[in-house]
C-alpha atoms as a PDB file:
ATOM      1  CA  MET A   1      -9.521  14.210 -12.756  1.00  0.00           C
ATOM      2  CA  ARG A   2     -10.746  11.179 -10.900  1.00  0.00           C
ATOM      3  CA  SER A   3     -10.351  10.587  -7.216  1.00  0.00           C
ATOM      4  CA  VAL A   4      -8.961   7.472  -5.639  1.00  0.00           C
ATOM      5  CA  ARG A   5      -9.432   6.030  -2.206  1.00  0.00           C
ATOM      6  CA  ARG A   6      -6.388   5.233  -0.116  1.00  0.00           C
ATOM      7  CA  VAL A   7      -6.864   1.481  -0.380  1.00  0.00           C
ATOM      8  CA  THR A   8      -8.759   1.140  -3.663  1.00  0.00           C
ATOM      9  CA  THR A   9      -6.828   2.979  -6.324  1.00  0.00           C
ATOM     10  CA  ARG A  10      -8.499   4.520  -9.365  1.00  0.00           C
ATOM     11  CA  THR A  11      -6.642   7.357 -11.057  1.00  0.00           C
ATOM     12  CA  ALA A  12      -6.440   9.351 -14.207  1.00  0.00           C
ATOM     13  CA  ALA A  13      -3.401  11.155 -15.483  1.00  0.00           C
ATOM     14  CA  VAL A  14      -2.880  13.405 -18.435  1.00  0.00           C
ATOM     15  CA  VAL A  15       0.545  14.049 -19.883  1.00  0.00           C
ATOM     16  CA  ALA A  16       0.495  17.224 -21.931  1.00  0.00           C
ATOM     17  CA  GLY A  17       3.059  19.911 -22.569  1.00  0.00           C
ATOM     18  CA  GLY A  18       5.496  18.527 -20.006  1.00  0.00           C
ATOM     19  CA  LEU A  19       2.897  18.330 -17.247  1.00  0.00           C
ATOM     20  CA  LEU A  20       1.538  15.297 -15.505  1.00  0.00           C
ATOM     21  CA  LEU A  21      -1.720  15.977 -13.706  1.00  0.00           C
ATOM     22  CA  ALA A  22      -3.443  13.522 -11.424  1.00  0.00           C
ATOM     23  CA  GLY A  23      -5.753  13.394  -8.463  1.00  0.00           C
ATOM     24  CA  CYS A  24      -6.322  11.128  -5.527  1.00  0.00           C
ATOM     25  CA  SER A  25      -7.981  10.830  -2.159  1.00  0.00           C
ATOM     26  CA  VAL A  26      -6.600   9.959   1.279  1.00  0.00           C
ATOM     27  CA  SER A  27      -7.722  10.054   4.925  1.00  0.00           C
ATOM     28  CA  ALA A  28      -8.287  13.446   6.679  1.00  0.00           C
ATOM     29  CA  SER A  29      -4.578  13.999   7.059  1.00  0.00           C
ATOM     30  CA  ILE A  30      -1.652  12.028   5.751  1.00  0.00           C
ATOM     31  CA  GLY A  31       1.857  11.667   7.055  1.00  0.00           C
ATOM     32  CA  GLU A  32       4.947  12.342   5.009  1.00  0.00           C
ATOM     33  CA  GLY A  33       5.818   8.684   4.405  1.00  0.00           C
ATOM     34  CA  GLU A  34       2.290   7.717   3.423  1.00  0.00           C
ATOM     35  CA  LEU A  35       2.048  10.686   1.056  1.00  0.00           C
ATOM     36  CA  GLU A  36       5.310   9.646  -0.596  1.00  0.00           C
ATOM     37  CA  SER A  37       4.103   6.057  -0.996  1.00  0.00           C
ATOM     38  CA  ASN A  38       0.742   7.162  -2.379  1.00  0.00           C
ATOM     39  CA  LEU A  39       2.358   9.451  -4.954  1.00  0.00           C
ATOM     40  CA  GLU A  40       4.813   6.795  -6.069  1.00  0.00           C
ATOM     41  CA  GLU A  41       2.011   4.243  -6.525  1.00  0.00           C
ATOM     42  CA  GLN A  42      -0.205   6.672  -8.427  1.00  0.00           C
ATOM     43  CA  ILE A  43       2.535   7.897 -10.741  1.00  0.00           C
ATOM     44  CA  ALA A  44       3.675   4.346 -11.482  1.00  0.00           C
ATOM     45  CA  SER A  45       0.162   3.011 -12.047  1.00  0.00           C
ATOM     46  CA  THR A  46      -0.889   5.808 -14.399  1.00  0.00           C
ATOM     47  CA  ASN A  47       2.427   5.909 -16.279  1.00  0.00           C
ATOM     48  CA  PRO A  48       3.664   2.320 -16.660  1.00  0.00           C
ATOM     49  CA  ASP A  49       6.367   3.339 -19.134  1.00  0.00           C
ATOM     50  CA  VAL A  50       8.288   5.396 -16.560  1.00  0.00           C
ATOM     51  CA  SER A  51      10.482   4.241 -13.703  1.00  0.00           C
ATOM     52  CA  VAL A  52       9.714   6.005 -10.415  1.00  0.00           C
ATOM     53  CA  GLU A  53      12.962   5.789  -8.478  1.00  0.00           C
ATOM     54  CA  SER A  54      12.019   7.857  -5.439  1.00  0.00           C
ATOM     55  CA  VAL A  55       9.553  10.343  -3.980  1.00  0.00           C
ATOM     56  CA  ASP A  56      10.517  12.787  -1.235  1.00  0.00           C
ATOM     57  CA  CYS A  57       7.951  15.073   0.413  1.00  0.00           C
ATOM     58  CA  ALA A  58       8.922  17.912   2.727  1.00  0.00           C
ATOM     59  CA  ASP A  59       5.939  17.233   5.014  1.00  0.00           C
ATOM     60  CA  GLY A  60       2.583  15.480   5.248  1.00  0.00           C
ATOM     61  CA  LEU A  61      -0.724  16.844   3.958  1.00  0.00           C
ATOM     62  CA  GLU A  62      -3.425  18.431   6.121  1.00  0.00           C
ATOM     63  CA  GLY A  63      -7.101  17.906   5.377  1.00  0.00           C
ATOM     64  CA  GLU A  64      -7.970  21.525   4.595  1.00  0.00           C
ATOM     65  CA  VAL A  65      -9.036  22.891   1.215  1.00  0.00           C
ATOM     66  CA  ASP A  66      -6.119  24.711  -0.449  1.00  0.00           C
ATOM     67  CA  ALA A  67      -3.572  23.084   1.895  1.00  0.00           C
ATOM     68  CA  THR A  68      -0.387  22.312  -0.011  1.00  0.00           C
ATOM     69  CA  ALA A  69       2.596  20.006   0.129  1.00  0.00           C
ATOM     70  CA  ASP A  70       5.796  20.032  -1.894  1.00  0.00           C
ATOM     71  CA  CYS A  71       7.520  16.879  -3.047  1.00  0.00           C
ATOM     72  CA  THR A  72      10.296  15.866  -5.397  1.00  0.00           C
ATOM     73  CA  VAL A  73      10.050  12.774  -7.563  1.00  0.00           C
ATOM     74  CA  VAL A  74      12.874  11.064  -9.440  1.00  0.00           C
ATOM     75  CA  ILE A  75      11.650   9.485 -12.672  1.00  0.00           C
ATOM     76  CA  ASP A  76      14.032   7.760 -15.052  1.00  0.00           C
ATOM     77  CA  GLY A  77      16.991   9.507 -13.399  1.00  0.00           C
ATOM     78  CA  ALA A  78      15.567  13.047 -13.549  1.00  0.00           C
ATOM     79  CA  GLU A  79      14.228  15.087 -10.621  1.00  0.00           C
ATOM     80  CA  TYR A  80      10.851  16.805 -10.909  1.00  0.00           C
ATOM     81  CA  PRO A  81       9.126  19.106  -8.428  1.00  0.00           C
ATOM     82  CA  VAL A  82       5.612  18.058  -7.406  1.00  0.00           C
ATOM     83  CA  ALA A  83       2.992  20.506  -6.153  1.00  0.00           C
ATOM     84  CA  ILE A  84       0.070  19.023  -4.213  1.00  0.00           C
ATOM     85  CA  THR A  85      -3.084  21.015  -3.410  1.00  0.00           C
ATOM     86  CA  VAL A  86      -6.125  19.845  -1.464  1.00  0.00           C
ATOM     87  CA  THR A  87      -9.245  20.440  -3.565  1.00  0.00           C
ATOM     88  CA  GLU A  88     -11.982  19.024  -1.328  1.00  0.00           C
ATOM     89  CA  VAL A  89     -12.491  17.507   2.106  1.00  0.00           C
ATOM     90  CA  ASP A  90     -15.408  15.107   2.572  1.00  0.00           C
ATOM     91  CA  GLY A  91     -15.522  13.542   6.027  1.00  0.00           C
ATOM     92  CA  GLU A  92     -12.349  11.514   6.405  1.00  0.00           C
ATOM     93  CA  ASN A  93     -11.420  11.841   2.730  1.00  0.00           C
ATOM     94  CA  VAL A  94      -9.146  14.525   1.368  1.00  0.00           C
ATOM     95  CA  ASN A  95      -9.200  15.001  -2.392  1.00  0.00           C
ATOM     96  CA  PHE A  96      -6.123  16.556  -3.895  1.00  0.00           C
ATOM     97  CA  ASP A  97      -4.502  17.219  -7.229  1.00  0.00           C
ATOM     98  CA  TYR A  98      -0.819  16.852  -7.855  1.00  0.00           C
ATOM     99  CA  GLU A  99       1.205  18.278 -10.655  1.00  0.00           C
ATOM    100  CA  ILE A 100       4.625  17.200 -11.829  1.00  0.00           C
ATOM    101  CA  THR A 101       6.430  19.797 -13.904  1.00  0.00           C
ATOM    102  CA  GLU A 102       9.553  19.420 -15.949  1.00  0.00           C
ATOM    103  CA  GLY A 103      12.597  20.581 -14.003  1.00  0.00           C
END
């Protein structure tokens, strides 16, 4: 996994066995709308062959290790649950992994 900054995006994604794994970095906490936008951008940029139609997160993401957020993403007409977990907090940056599983 690679981390990305909120403004400068660098990501890595691996599609294997129905899972899409990726990681990114944002400020110490992130609101619901910003989290949704960030996920949509990251999924689209690492998977150019898919159409991200929408991302809906139940809440924002706190800057605490092991904090979680749940989202739903619609890709090519199908809904997928997304689990987000904070892996590291470094100053104002929060590193997290997200996982999209087949519904």
